[in-house]
Protein backbone atom coordinates (compact mmCIF):
# COMPACT_ATOMS: atom_id res chain seq x y z
CA MET A 1 0.00 0.00 0.00
CA LYS A 2 2.88 2.37 0.84
CA ASN A 3 4.39 1.70 -2.57
CA LEU A 4 1.07 2.48 -4.29
CA VAL A 5 0.74 5.80 -2.46
CA ALA A 6 4.37 6.68 -3.23
CA ALA A 7 3.84 5.83 -6.89
CA LEU A 8 0.70 7.99 -7.07
CA VAL A 9 2.50 10.90 -5.40
CA LEU A 10 5.41 10.61 -7.84
CA ALA A 11 3.06 10.35 -10.81
CA GLY A 12 1.14 13.43 -9.65
CA ALA A 13 4.36 15.37 -9.14
CA ALA A 14 5.59 14.39 -12.59
CA LEU A 15 2.30 15.41 -14.16
CA PHE A 16 2.33 18.73 -12.32
CA GLY A 17 5.92 19.30 -13.37
CA LEU A 18 5.06 18.75 -17.02
CA THR A 19 2.16 21.19 -16.95
CA ALA A 20 4.04 23.79 -14.94
CA CYS A 21 6.90 23.78 -17.45
CA SER A 22 4.79 23.90 -20.56
CA ALA A 23 5.80 26.04 -23.48
CA PRO A 24 4.80 29.71 -23.37
CA ALA A 25 1.53 30.65 -25.00
CA ALA A 26 1.65 31.34 -28.71
CA PRO A 27 1.50 35.01 -29.67
CA ALA A 28 -1.91 36.36 -30.60
CA ALA A 29 -2.90 35.63 -34.17
CA GLU A 30 -2.19 38.51 -36.45
CA SER A 31 -4.67 39.82 -38.97
CA ALA A 32 -4.57 38.13 -42.34
CA MET A 33 -5.22 41.54 -43.90
CA ALA A 34 -2.48 42.85 -46.17
CA ALA A 35 -1.21 46.35 -45.48
CA ASP A 36 -2.59 47.72 -48.76
CA THR A 37 -6.09 46.23 -48.34
CA VAL A 38 -8.85 48.82 -48.67
CA VAL A 39 -11.56 48.60 -46.01
CA ILE A 40 -15.02 49.87 -46.97
CA ASP A 41 -17.81 50.65 -44.51
CA VAL A 42 -21.03 50.30 -46.50
CA ARG A 43 -23.33 51.85 -43.88
CA THR A 44 -24.90 55.31 -43.96
CA PRO A 45 -22.73 58.39 -43.33
CA GLY A 46 -24.45 58.85 -39.96
CA GLU A 47 -23.63 55.30 -38.88
CA TYR A 48 -20.06 55.78 -40.12
CA ALA A 49 -19.65 58.99 -38.11
CA ALA A 50 -20.85 57.24 -34.95
CA GLY A 51 -18.03 54.70 -35.21
CA HIS A 52 -16.12 52.94 -37.97
CA LEU A 53 -12.94 50.95 -38.48
CA GLU A 54 -9.86 53.14 -38.58
CA GLY A 55 -9.01 54.12 -42.15
CA ALA A 56 -12.21 52.73 -43.66
CA LEU A 57 -13.80 54.42 -46.66
CA ASN A 58 -17.52 55.10 -46.40
CA ILE A 59 -19.56 54.14 -49.44
CA ASP A 60 -23.22 53.65 -48.52
CA VAL A 61 -24.45 50.56 -50.37
CA GLN A 62 -28.02 51.89 -50.19
CA SER A 63 -27.04 55.17 -51.84
CA SER A 64 -28.10 55.72 -55.44
CA ASP A 65 -24.48 56.51 -56.37
CA PHE A 66 -22.86 53.42 -54.78
CA ASP A 67 -21.93 51.96 -58.16
CA SER A 68 -20.37 55.20 -59.40
CA GLN A 69 -18.39 55.72 -56.17
CA ALA A 70 -17.19 52.13 -56.22
CA SER A 71 -16.31 52.34 -59.91
CA ALA A 72 -13.83 55.11 -59.09
CA LEU A 73 -11.71 52.53 -57.22
CA PRO A 74 -9.24 50.13 -58.88
CA THR A 75 -10.91 46.75 -59.42
CA ASP A 76 -7.74 44.70 -58.90
CA GLU A 77 -7.01 45.77 -55.30
CA ASP A 78 -7.93 43.77 -52.18
CA TYR A 79 -11.09 44.99 -50.45
CA ILE A 80 -12.84 44.16 -47.19
CA VAL A 81 -16.43 45.35 -46.72
CA TYR A 82 -18.46 45.49 -43.52
CA CYS A 83 -21.68 46.96 -42.13
CA ARG A 84 -23.73 46.80 -38.91
CA SER A 85 -25.02 43.23 -39.08
CA GLY A 86 -23.58 41.66 -42.23
CA SER A 87 -26.61 41.99 -44.51
CA ARG A 88 -25.55 45.15 -46.35
CA SER A 89 -21.94 44.01 -46.59
CA ALA A 90 -23.07 40.82 -48.36
CA ALA A 91 -25.07 42.92 -50.83
CA ALA A 92 -22.12 45.28 -51.33
CA ALA A 93 -19.69 42.41 -51.93
CA ALA A 94 -22.02 41.00 -54.60
CA ARG A 95 -22.39 44.40 -56.27
CA LEU A 96 -18.64 44.95 -56.27
CA ALA A 97 -18.13 41.54 -57.87
CA ASP A 98 -20.71 42.50 -60.52
CA LEU A 99 -18.69 45.67 -61.15
CA GLY A 100 -15.58 43.60 -61.86
CA PHE A 101 -13.80 43.72 -58.49
CA THR A 102 -11.65 40.61 -58.24
CA SER A 103 -10.77 40.42 -54.53
CA VAL A 104 -13.59 41.36 -52.15
CA THR A 105 -14.00 39.89 -48.68
CA ASP A 106 -17.27 40.27 -46.80
CA ALA A 107 -16.23 40.76 -43.17
CA GLY A 108 -19.85 40.96 -42.04
CA ALA A 109 -20.71 43.04 -38.99
CA MET A 110 -18.38 45.75 -37.70
CA SER A 111 -17.74 43.75 -34.52
CA ALA A 112 -16.51 40.81 -36.58
CA ALA A 113 -14.58 43.08 -38.95
CA THR A 114 -12.61 44.70 -36.14
CA VAL A 115 -11.58 41.25 -34.93
CA SER A 116 -10.66 39.90 -38.37
CA THR A 117 -8.77 43.02 -39.47
CA GLY A 118 -7.26 44.07 -36.15
CA LEU A 119 -8.38 47.65 -36.83
CA PRO A 120 -9.78 49.69 -33.95
CA ILE A 121 -13.16 51.39 -34.05
CA VAL A 122 -12.89 55.18 -34.19
CA THR A 123 -15.37 58.05 -34.49
CA THR A 124 -15.45 61.02 -36.78
CA PRO A 125 -15.09 64.30 -34.85
């Protein structure tokens, strides 16, 4: 019985030693977004002013001039679009593809977009 207890104590100590000396945590995952990626907020100007991802362009997908504003951009760049809930960004991504844009990512809602891009939310003064 003494040998069994001693073996259990040694096994527990070995197990604790292995977990206590584990490798350090991996660094936080970095955004997969390239530095030259253009981020587009497709919400209304009022929503944009209340808070948007840092550096994002504002092109309201519900605006009558969305296509003309988007057409002023190069179609071969990388783009990420987002909105409030993900519905408008999906519509915008489809419209951009119809306009000939070759690399458009729908990041969905702003909360998801800030996580996936690593960009902070800022407000317009």
